[in-house]
Amino acid sequence: MLLIDPSPHYRRIVRTMLYQAQLHRIFEASDLASAATMFIQKQPNIVILDWDMPDNGSTKCLAAIRSFKTSPFAKAPVLVMMERPDRRSVVQAAKLGAHEIVTKPISPNNLWLHLSGVINIPRKYREASGSITLVPRAISNSMF
């Protein structure tokens, strides 16, 4: 698992939550360059990405992950954390291929709920324009 967040404090908090959930293969990156290095060296199976990285680092990172031609990890599930989610940011993250979007601060229960969804209910993918995109989830009629 790769945790990408510029804040060492928040990385420590999330790492502690992951350890409590018995997830121990956790790698950390504070920026896009170190995230790229970690991807190549450690080959994480899940990414937790802070959306509020400087210089649009999060959009660049997510786009790079989903880039079919350049990323061998294009299908890694990505959980995006947002401090102030607004409609535009949520839609942008979803279009770029985020599996789950959560609001900071995140509780251990909420983190595990979203991670278990990523792990236990995998999303389908399709190739489009040289990138990997997620197939939208079906909306259940029972929701309305």
N, C-alpha and C. Protein backbone atom coordinates (compact mmCIF):
# COMPACT_ATOMS: atom_id res chain seq x y z
N MET A 1 0.85 -1.16 0.00
CA MET A 1 0.00 0.00 0.00
C MET A 1 0.90 1.23 0.00
N LEU A 2 0.53 2.22 -0.82
CA LEU A 2 1.30 3.47 -0.89
C LEU A 2 0.44 4.61 -0.39
N LEU A 3 0.95 5.31 0.62
CA LEU A 3 0.28 6.46 1.22
C LEU A 3 1.00 7.72 0.75
N ILE A 4 0.29 8.57 0.00
CA ILE A 4 0.88 9.78 -0.56
C ILE A 4 0.20 10.99 0.07
N ASP A 5 0.94 11.71 0.89
CA ASP A 5 0.42 12.90 1.57
C ASP A 5 1.60 13.79 1.92
N PRO A 6 1.52 15.10 1.66
CA PRO A 6 2.65 15.97 1.98
C PRO A 6 2.88 16.16 3.48
N SER A 7 1.89 15.87 4.29
CA SER A 7 1.99 16.08 5.73
C SER A 7 2.52 14.83 6.44
N PRO A 8 3.72 14.92 7.05
CA PRO A 8 4.23 13.76 7.79
C PRO A 8 3.32 13.40 8.97
N HIS A 9 2.71 14.41 9.56
CA HIS A 9 1.79 14.17 10.67
C HIS A 9 0.59 13.34 10.22
N TYR A 10 -0.01 13.72 9.10
CA TYR A 10 -1.19 12.98 8.64
C TYR A 10 -0.81 11.59 8.13
N ARG A 11 0.36 11.46 7.51
CA ARG A 11 0.81 10.13 7.10
C ARG A 11 0.96 9.22 8.31
N ARG A 12 1.49 9.76 9.42
CA ARG A 12 1.66 8.96 10.63
C ARG A 12 0.30 8.53 11.17
N ILE A 13 -0.68 9.42 11.17
CA ILE A 13 -2.02 9.09 11.66
C ILE A 13 -2.64 7.96 10.83
N VAL A 14 -2.59 8.10 9.51
CA VAL A 14 -3.18 7.09 8.63
C VAL A 14 -2.42 5.77 8.74
N ARG A 15 -1.09 5.84 8.80
CA ARG A 15 -0.29 4.62 8.96
C ARG A 15 -0.68 3.89 10.24
N THR A 16 -0.86 4.62 11.32
CA THR A 16 -1.27 4.01 12.59
C THR A 16 -2.62 3.31 12.44
N MET A 17 -3.55 3.95 11.75
CA MET A 17 -4.87 3.33 11.52
C MET A 17 -4.72 2.05 10.70
N LEU A 18 -3.86 2.08 9.71
CA LEU A 18 -3.65 0.90 8.87
C LEU A 18 -3.00 -0.23 9.65
N TYR A 19 -2.04 0.10 10.50
CA TYR A 19 -1.42 -0.91 11.36
C TYR A 19 -2.46 -1.56 12.27
N GLN A 20 -3.36 -0.74 12.82
CA GLN A 20 -4.41 -1.27 13.70
C GLN A 20 -5.34 -2.22 12.94
N ALA A 21 -5.44 -2.02 11.63
CA ALA A 21 -6.27 -2.91 10.80
C ALA A 21 -5.46 -4.09 10.26
N GLN A 22 -4.26 -4.28 10.84
CA GLN A 22 -3.36 -5.38 10.49
C GLN A 22 -2.81 -5.28 9.06
N LEU A 23 -2.71 -4.07 8.55
CA LEU A 23 -2.08 -3.83 7.25
C LEU A 23 -0.69 -3.27 7.53
N HIS A 24 0.34 -4.00 7.16
CA HIS A 24 1.69 -3.62 7.56
C HIS A 24 2.62 -3.30 6.41
N ARG A 25 2.29 -3.63 5.20
CA ARG A 25 3.16 -3.32 4.04
C ARG A 25 2.76 -1.95 3.51
N ILE A 26 3.21 -0.91 4.21
CA ILE A 26 2.83 0.46 3.90
C ILE A 26 4.07 1.25 3.55
N PHE A 27 4.02 1.91 2.40
CA PHE A 27 5.09 2.77 1.95
C PHE A 27 4.55 4.19 1.90
N GLU A 28 5.42 5.16 2.10
CA GLU A 28 4.98 6.55 2.16
C GLU A 28 5.72 7.41 1.16
N ALA A 29 5.02 8.43 0.66
CA ALA A 29 5.61 9.42 -0.23
C ALA A 29 5.01 10.77 0.12
N SER A 30 5.84 11.80 0.03
CA SER A 30 5.37 13.14 0.37
C SER A 30 5.10 14.00 -0.86
N ASP A 31 5.53 13.53 -2.03
CA ASP A 31 5.34 14.30 -3.25
C ASP A 31 5.28 13.36 -4.45
N LEU A 32 5.06 13.97 -5.61
CA LEU A 32 4.90 13.19 -6.84
C LEU A 32 6.17 12.42 -7.20
N ALA A 33 7.33 13.05 -7.05
CA ALA A 33 8.58 12.38 -7.41
C ALA A 33 8.84 11.15 -6.54
N SER A 34 8.65 11.29 -5.22
CA SER A 34 8.89 10.13 -4.35
C SER A 34 7.80 9.07 -4.54
N ALA A 35 6.59 9.50 -4.91
CA ALA A 35 5.52 8.53 -5.19
C ALA A 35 5.88 7.70 -6.43
N ALA A 36 6.42 8.35 -7.46
CA ALA A 36 6.81 7.63 -8.67
C ALA A 36 7.90 6.61 -8.36
N THR A 37 8.87 7.01 -7.54
CA THR A 37 9.94 6.10 -7.15
C THR A 37 9.39 4.90 -6.39
N MET A 38 8.49 5.18 -5.44
CA MET A 38 7.88 4.09 -4.65
C MET A 38 7.09 3.14 -5.54
N PHE A 39 6.38 3.69 -6.52
CA PHE A 39 5.61 2.84 -7.43
C PHE A 39 6.52 1.85 -8.14
N ILE A 40 7.63 2.35 -8.63
CA ILE A 40 8.55 1.49 -9.38
C ILE A 40 9.23 0.49 -8.46
N GLN A 41 9.70 0.94 -7.31
CA GLN A 41 10.47 0.07 -6.41
C GLN A 41 9.61 -0.92 -5.63
N LYS A 42 8.46 -0.46 -5.14
CA LYS A 42 7.68 -1.28 -4.20
C LYS A 42 6.44 -1.92 -4.81
N GLN A 43 5.98 -1.44 -5.94
CA GLN A 43 4.80 -1.98 -6.63
C GLN A 43 3.60 -2.16 -5.69
N PRO A 44 3.08 -1.07 -5.15
CA PRO A 44 1.96 -1.17 -4.22
C PRO A 44 0.69 -1.65 -4.91
N ASN A 45 -0.16 -2.30 -4.14
CA ASN A 45 -1.41 -2.81 -4.70
C ASN A 45 -2.59 -1.88 -4.44
N ILE A 46 -2.44 -0.91 -3.54
CA ILE A 46 -3.48 0.08 -3.23
C ILE A 46 -2.78 1.41 -2.96
N VAL A 47 -3.42 2.51 -3.38
CA VAL A 47 -2.86 3.84 -3.15
C VAL A 47 -3.87 4.67 -2.35
N ILE A 48 -3.36 5.36 -1.33
CA ILE A 48 -4.15 6.35 -0.60
C ILE A 48 -3.51 7.69 -0.92
N LEU A 49 -4.26 8.57 -1.56
CA LEU A 49 -3.72 9.81 -2.11
C LEU A 49 -4.42 11.03 -1.53
N ASP A 50 -3.61 11.96 -1.00
CA ASP A 50 -4.16 13.23 -0.54
C ASP A 50 -4.44 14.10 -1.77
N TRP A 51 -5.65 14.60 -1.88
CA TRP A 51 -6.06 15.39 -3.04
C TRP A 51 -5.50 16.81 -3.00
N ASP A 52 -5.13 17.29 -1.83
CA ASP A 52 -4.73 18.68 -1.67
C ASP A 52 -3.22 18.86 -1.73
N MET A 53 -2.54 18.11 -2.58
CA MET A 53 -1.10 18.25 -2.72
C MET A 53 -0.79 19.53 -3.49
N PRO A 54 0.36 20.15 -3.21
CA PRO A 54 0.73 21.38 -3.92
C PRO A 54 0.95 21.16 -5.42
N ASP A 55 0.77 22.22 -6.19
CA ASP A 55 1.03 22.23 -7.63
C ASP A 55 0.26 21.15 -8.39
N ASN A 56 -0.99 20.91 -7.99
CA ASN A 56 -1.82 19.89 -8.64
C ASN A 56 -1.16 18.52 -8.67
N GLY A 57 -0.35 18.25 -7.65
CA GLY A 57 0.34 16.96 -7.58
C GLY A 57 -0.59 15.77 -7.57
N SER A 58 -1.74 15.93 -6.94
CA SER A 58 -2.67 14.80 -6.86
C SER A 58 -3.28 14.48 -8.22
N THR A 59 -3.65 15.49 -8.99
CA THR A 59 -4.22 15.21 -10.31
C THR A 59 -3.16 14.62 -11.23
N LYS A 60 -1.94 15.13 -11.14
CA LYS A 60 -0.84 14.58 -11.94
C LYS A 60 -0.56 13.13 -11.54
N CYS A 61 -0.57 12.88 -10.24
CA CYS A 61 -0.29 11.53 -9.73
C CYS A 61 -1.36 10.54 -10.19
N LEU A 62 -2.62 10.92 -10.03
CA LEU A 62 -3.71 10.02 -10.42
C LEU A 62 -3.72 9.80 -11.92
N ALA A 63 -3.48 10.85 -12.69
CA ALA A 63 -3.42 10.70 -14.14
C ALA A 63 -2.25 9.78 -14.54
N ALA A 64 -1.12 9.91 -13.86
CA ALA A 64 0.04 9.06 -14.15
C ALA A 64 -0.25 7.60 -13.81
N ILE A 65 -0.93 7.38 -12.69
CA ILE A 65 -1.28 6.01 -12.30
C ILE A 65 -2.17 5.37 -13.36
N ARG A 66 -3.13 6.12 -13.87
CA ARG A 66 -4.10 5.58 -14.82
C ARG A 66 -3.59 5.58 -16.27
N SER A 67 -2.42 6.14 -16.50
CA SER A 67 -1.87 6.18 -17.85
C SER A 67 -1.45 4.79 -18.27
N PHE A 68 -2.20 4.19 -19.16
CA PHE A 68 -1.97 2.81 -19.57
C PHE A 68 -0.60 2.62 -20.20
N LYS A 69 -0.16 3.58 -20.99
CA LYS A 69 1.10 3.43 -21.71
C LYS A 69 2.31 3.55 -20.80
N THR A 70 2.20 4.30 -19.72
CA THR A 70 3.38 4.55 -18.89
C THR A 70 3.34 3.86 -17.53
N SER A 71 2.20 3.34 -17.12
CA SER A 71 2.11 2.78 -15.78
C SER A 71 1.78 1.30 -15.80
N PRO A 72 2.67 0.48 -15.25
CA PRO A 72 2.34 -0.94 -15.12
C PRO A 72 1.33 -1.17 -13.98
N PHE A 73 1.02 -0.14 -13.24
CA PHE A 73 0.13 -0.26 -12.09
C PHE A 73 -1.18 0.47 -12.33
N ALA A 74 -1.58 0.59 -13.58
CA ALA A 74 -2.74 1.40 -13.95
C ALA A 74 -4.04 0.96 -13.27
N LYS A 75 -4.09 -0.27 -12.82
CA LYS A 75 -5.32 -0.76 -12.21
C LYS A 75 -5.27 -0.80 -10.69
N ALA A 76 -4.27 -0.18 -10.09
CA ALA A 76 -4.19 -0.13 -8.62
C ALA A 76 -5.35 0.71 -8.09
N PRO A 77 -6.10 0.19 -7.14
CA PRO A 77 -7.18 0.98 -6.56
C PRO A 77 -6.63 2.23 -5.85
N VAL A 78 -7.30 3.35 -6.03
CA VAL A 78 -6.88 4.62 -5.43
C VAL A 78 -7.99 5.17 -4.57
N LEU A 79 -7.67 5.39 -3.30
CA LEU A 79 -8.58 6.02 -2.36
C LEU A 79 -8.07 7.46 -2.19
N VAL A 80 -8.91 8.44 -2.51
CA VAL A 80 -8.53 9.84 -2.44
C VAL A 80 -9.10 10.45 -1.16
N MET A 81 -8.23 11.19 -0.44
CA MET A 81 -8.66 11.91 0.76
C MET A 81 -8.71 13.39 0.43
N MET A 82 -9.84 14.03 0.75
CA MET A 82 -10.01 15.46 0.49
C MET A 82 -10.31 16.19 1.78
N GLU A 83 -9.65 17.32 1.96
CA GLU A 83 -9.91 18.13 3.15
C GLU A 83 -11.22 18.91 3.01
N ARG A 84 -11.42 19.51 1.85
CA ARG A 84 -12.64 20.29 1.59
C ARG A 84 -13.24 19.84 0.27
N PRO A 85 -13.94 18.73 0.27
CA PRO A 85 -14.48 18.25 -1.00
C PRO A 85 -15.57 19.17 -1.54
N ASP A 86 -15.43 19.53 -2.78
CA ASP A 86 -16.50 20.27 -3.47
C ASP A 86 -16.85 19.46 -4.71
N ARG A 87 -17.95 19.80 -5.30
CA ARG A 87 -18.46 19.01 -6.43
C ARG A 87 -17.41 18.89 -7.55
N ARG A 88 -16.76 20.00 -7.88
CA ARG A 88 -15.79 20.00 -8.97
C ARG A 88 -14.64 19.04 -8.67
N SER A 89 -14.11 19.07 -7.45
CA SER A 89 -12.99 18.20 -7.07
C SER A 89 -13.40 16.74 -7.07
N VAL A 90 -14.57 16.45 -6.54
CA VAL A 90 -15.04 15.06 -6.49
C VAL A 90 -15.24 14.52 -7.90
N VAL A 91 -15.86 15.31 -8.76
CA VAL A 91 -16.07 14.87 -10.15
C VAL A 91 -14.74 14.68 -10.86
N GLN A 92 -13.80 15.61 -10.65
CA GLN A 92 -12.49 15.50 -11.28
C GLN A 92 -11.76 14.24 -10.81
N ALA A 93 -11.77 13.97 -9.51
CA ALA A 93 -11.11 12.78 -8.97
C ALA A 93 -11.75 11.51 -9.53
N ALA A 94 -13.07 11.50 -9.61
CA ALA A 94 -13.76 10.33 -10.15
C ALA A 94 -13.42 10.13 -11.63
N LYS A 95 -13.39 11.21 -12.39
CA LYS A 95 -13.06 11.10 -13.82
C LYS A 95 -11.63 10.64 -14.04
N LEU A 96 -10.75 11.02 -13.14
CA LEU A 96 -9.35 10.59 -13.26
C LEU A 96 -9.13 9.15 -12.80
N GLY A 97 -10.13 8.56 -12.13
CA GLY A 97 -10.02 7.16 -11.77
C GLY A 97 -9.92 6.83 -10.30
N ALA A 98 -10.36 7.74 -9.44
CA ALA A 98 -10.38 7.43 -8.00
C ALA A 98 -11.46 6.38 -7.73
N HIS A 99 -11.12 5.38 -6.95
CA HIS A 99 -12.09 4.35 -6.57
C HIS A 99 -13.03 4.85 -5.48
N GLU A 100 -12.46 5.48 -4.48
CA GLU A 100 -13.20 5.96 -3.32
C GLU A 100 -12.72 7.36 -2.99
N ILE A 101 -13.61 8.18 -2.45
CA ILE A 101 -13.25 9.53 -2.03
C ILE A 101 -13.76 9.70 -0.61
N VAL A 102 -12.85 10.09 0.29
CA VAL A 102 -13.19 10.27 1.70
C VAL A 102 -12.79 11.68 2.13
N THR A 103 -13.44 12.15 3.17
CA THR A 103 -13.17 13.48 3.70
C THR A 103 -12.23 13.39 4.89
N LYS A 104 -11.26 14.30 4.92
CA LYS A 104 -10.37 14.44 6.08
C LYS A 104 -11.07 15.31 7.10
N PRO A 105 -10.88 15.13 8.38
CA PRO A 105 -10.13 14.02 8.97
C PRO A 105 -10.93 12.73 8.86
N ILE A 106 -10.21 11.66 8.71
CA ILE A 106 -10.85 10.36 8.52
C ILE A 106 -10.73 9.55 9.81
N SER A 107 -11.79 8.85 10.13
CA SER A 107 -11.78 7.99 11.32
C SER A 107 -11.29 6.60 10.92
N PRO A 108 -10.80 5.83 11.88
CA PRO A 108 -10.38 4.45 11.56
C PRO A 108 -11.50 3.63 10.94
N ASN A 109 -12.72 3.78 11.46
CA ASN A 109 -13.84 3.01 10.91
C ASN A 109 -14.15 3.41 9.47
N ASN A 110 -14.13 4.70 9.19
CA ASN A 110 -14.41 5.17 7.84
C ASN A 110 -13.31 4.74 6.87
N LEU A 111 -12.06 4.81 7.31
CA LEU A 111 -10.95 4.37 6.47
C LEU A 111 -11.11 2.89 6.14
N TRP A 112 -11.40 2.08 7.14
CA TRP A 112 -11.55 0.65 6.90
C TRP A 112 -12.76 0.34 6.03
N LEU A 113 -13.85 1.07 6.20
CA LEU A 113 -15.04 0.87 5.38
C LEU A 113 -14.70 1.08 3.90
N HIS A 114 -13.98 2.15 3.60
CA HIS A 114 -13.62 2.42 2.21
C HIS A 114 -12.58 1.45 1.69
N LEU A 115 -11.60 1.10 2.50
CA LEU A 115 -10.59 0.13 2.07
C LEU A 115 -11.19 -1.25 1.85
N SER A 116 -12.09 -1.65 2.71
CA SER A 116 -12.70 -2.97 2.52
C SER A 116 -13.56 -2.98 1.26
N GLY A 117 -14.17 -1.85 0.93
CA GLY A 117 -14.90 -1.76 -0.34
C GLY A 117 -13.98 -1.92 -1.53
N VAL A 118 -12.81 -1.30 -1.48
CA VAL A 118 -11.83 -1.41 -2.55
C VAL A 118 -11.33 -2.85 -2.67
N ILE A 119 -11.10 -3.49 -1.53
CA ILE A 119 -10.54 -4.84 -1.51
C ILE A 119 -11.60 -5.88 -1.87
N ASN A 120 -12.78 -5.78 -1.27
CA ASN A 120 -13.80 -6.83 -1.39
C ASN A 120 -14.76 -6.66 -2.55
N ILE A 121 -14.86 -5.44 -3.08
CA ILE A 121 -15.78 -5.20 -4.20
C ILE A 121 -14.98 -4.50 -5.30
N PRO A 122 -14.15 -5.25 -6.01
CA PRO A 122 -13.30 -4.61 -7.02
C PRO A 122 -14.12 -3.98 -8.14
N ARG A 123 -13.62 -2.85 -8.63
CA ARG A 123 -14.25 -2.15 -9.74
C ARG A 123 -13.72 -2.72 -11.05
N LYS A 124 -14.52 -2.61 -12.10
CA LYS A 124 -14.10 -3.04 -13.42
C LYS A 124 -13.44 -1.87 -14.14
N TYR A 125 -12.56 -2.19 -15.08
CA TYR A 125 -11.82 -1.19 -15.83
C TYR A 125 -12.10 -1.34 -17.31
N ARG A 126 -11.81 -0.25 -18.03
CA ARG A 126 -11.82 -0.30 -19.48
C ARG A 126 -10.72 0.63 -19.99
N GLU A 127 -10.23 0.32 -21.17
CA GLU A 127 -9.22 1.16 -21.79
C GLU A 127 -9.91 2.19 -22.66
N ALA A 128 -9.47 3.44 -22.54
CA ALA A 128 -10.02 4.51 -23.36
C ALA A 128 -8.95 5.55 -23.59
N SER A 129 -8.66 5.84 -24.83
CA SER A 129 -7.70 6.88 -25.20
C SER A 129 -6.34 6.68 -24.56
N GLY A 130 -5.88 5.46 -24.50
CA GLY A 130 -4.56 5.18 -23.95
C GLY A 130 -4.49 5.19 -22.43
N SER A 131 -5.62 5.29 -21.76
CA SER A 131 -5.65 5.28 -20.30
C SER A 131 -6.64 4.24 -19.81
N ILE A 132 -6.50 3.92 -18.54
CA ILE A 132 -7.43 3.02 -17.88
C ILE A 132 -8.49 3.89 -17.20
N THR A 133 -9.76 3.54 -17.39
CA THR A 133 -10.83 4.24 -16.67
C THR A 133 -11.67 3.21 -15.95
N LEU A 134 -12.34 3.65 -14.92
CA LEU A 134 -13.22 2.77 -14.15
C LEU A 134 -14.59 2.72 -14.79
N VAL A 135 -15.19 1.55 -14.77
CA VAL A 135 -16.57 1.42 -15.19
C VAL A 135 -17.42 1.93 -14.04
N PRO A 136 -18.36 2.85 -14.30
CA PRO A 136 -19.18 3.38 -13.20
C PRO A 136 -19.94 2.28 -12.47
N ARG A 137 -20.13 2.50 -11.19
CA ARG A 137 -20.92 1.56 -10.40
C ARG A 137 -22.37 1.66 -10.81
N ALA A 138 -23.04 0.53 -10.77
CA ALA A 138 -24.48 0.54 -11.04
C ALA A 138 -25.19 1.15 -9.84
N ILE A 139 -26.20 1.94 -10.11
CA ILE A 139 -26.97 2.55 -9.03
C ILE A 139 -28.15 1.65 -8.72
N SER A 140 -28.25 1.27 -7.48
CA SER A 140 -29.32 0.38 -7.05
C SER A 140 -30.63 1.14 -6.97
N ASN A 141 -31.70 0.50 -7.42
CA ASN A 141 -33.02 1.12 -7.33
C ASN A 141 -33.46 1.29 -5.89
N SER A 142 -32.90 0.49 -4.98
CA SER A 142 -33.30 0.58 -3.59
C SER A 142 -32.79 1.85 -2.93
N MET A 143 -31.88 2.55 -3.61
CA MET A 143 -31.35 3.79 -3.05
C MET A 143 -32.33 4.94 -3.21
N PHE A 144 -33.29 4.81 -4.10
CA PHE A 144 -34.20 5.92 -4.39
C PHE A 144 -35.60 5.62 -3.97
